[in-house]
Protein backbone atom coordinates (compact mmCIF):
# COMPACT_ATOMS: atom_id res chain seq x y z
CA ILE A 1 15.13 29.07 -29.11
CA LEU A 2 13.18 31.92 -31.84
CA LYS A 3 16.14 33.11 -32.72
CA ASP A 4 16.31 30.54 -35.96
CA GLU A 5 13.89 31.32 -38.18
CA ALA A 6 12.31 27.97 -38.62
CA THR A 7 11.99 27.21 -35.00
CA ARG A 8 10.45 31.12 -34.75
CA GLU A 9 7.68 29.78 -37.79
CA GLN A 10 6.91 27.34 -35.52
CA TYR A 11 6.41 28.81 -32.72
CA ASP A 12 4.80 31.54 -34.72
CA TYR A 13 2.08 28.91 -36.41
CA ALA A 14 1.25 27.74 -32.63
CA ILE A 15 0.18 30.80 -31.43
CA ALA A 16 -2.20 30.91 -34.31
CA HIS A 17 -3.68 28.08 -34.03
CA PRO A 18 -3.97 27.21 -30.55
CA GLU A 19 -5.91 23.95 -32.22
CA GLU A 20 -3.42 22.11 -34.00
CA VAL A 21 -0.78 22.44 -31.10
CA GLY A 22 -2.02 19.32 -28.90
CA MET A 23 -1.63 17.07 -31.99
CA LYS A 24 1.47 18.68 -33.15
CA VAL A 25 3.18 18.89 -29.97
CA PHE A 26 3.37 14.99 -29.80
CA TYR A 27 4.07 14.36 -33.45
CA ASN A 28 7.73 16.86 -32.36
CA ALA A 29 8.86 14.87 -29.00
CA ALA A 30 7.94 11.26 -31.34
CA ARG A 31 10.05 12.85 -34.18
CA TYR A 32 12.42 13.86 -31.73
CA TYR A 33 12.83 10.88 -29.76
CA HIS A 34 13.22 8.94 -32.96
CA ALA A 35 15.92 10.48 -34.37
CA TYR A 36 17.98 10.76 -30.83
CA TYR A 37 17.15 6.90 -29.92
CA GLY A 38 16.38 5.12 -33.10
CA HIS A 39 17.58 3.45 -34.52
CA LYS A 40 22.52 3.56 -34.88
CA THR A 41 23.33 0.28 -35.61
CA ASP A 42 22.21 -2.40 -38.76
CA PRO A 43 19.82 -4.13 -38.73
CA ARG A 44 21.97 -6.85 -40.66
CA ALA A 45 24.72 -7.52 -37.74
CA VAL A 46 21.71 -7.35 -34.49
CA LEU A 47 19.15 -10.50 -36.76
CA VAL A 48 23.20 -11.46 -37.38
CA GLY A 49 24.56 -11.75 -33.65
CA LEU A 50 21.17 -12.76 -32.67
CA LEU A 51 21.25 -15.32 -34.45
CA LEU A 52 24.80 -16.49 -33.00
CA VAL A 53 23.29 -16.24 -29.30
CA LEU A 54 20.25 -18.43 -30.32
CA SER A 55 22.56 -20.81 -31.85
CA ALA A 56 24.94 -20.91 -29.12
CA PHE A 57 21.73 -21.46 -26.68
CA GLN A 58 20.33 -24.14 -28.82
CA TYR A 59 24.09 -25.44 -29.08
CA LEU A 60 25.39 -25.80 -25.00
CA ASN A 61 21.28 -27.50 -24.33
CA GLN A 62 21.70 -30.24 -27.13
CA TRP A 63 25.60 -30.96 -25.35
CA THR A 64 23.36 -31.04 -21.99
CA ARG A 65 21.25 -33.33 -23.34
CA TYR A 66 23.93 -35.42 -24.70
CA THR A 67 26.10 -35.28 -21.70
CA GLN A 68 23.03 -36.27 -19.59
CA VAL A 69 21.98 -39.15 -21.84
CA PRO A 70 23.63 -42.60 -19.16
CA ARG A 71 25.59 -44.51 -21.49
């Protein structure tokens, strides 16, 4: 890890300023997980898919209510 110049600078800074390391660790961890597990799909595609699923449930609900009406 310390072969990389940027990582080496971060390490040296953490050693020189131990009082700031606590918050920086959480910040760096949050940035890592956001980049690794962050959104990989287009939000518009998710919205369209959600609307299609909700519309299908609404249609099935109305169709079931329609067929259960006594004639």
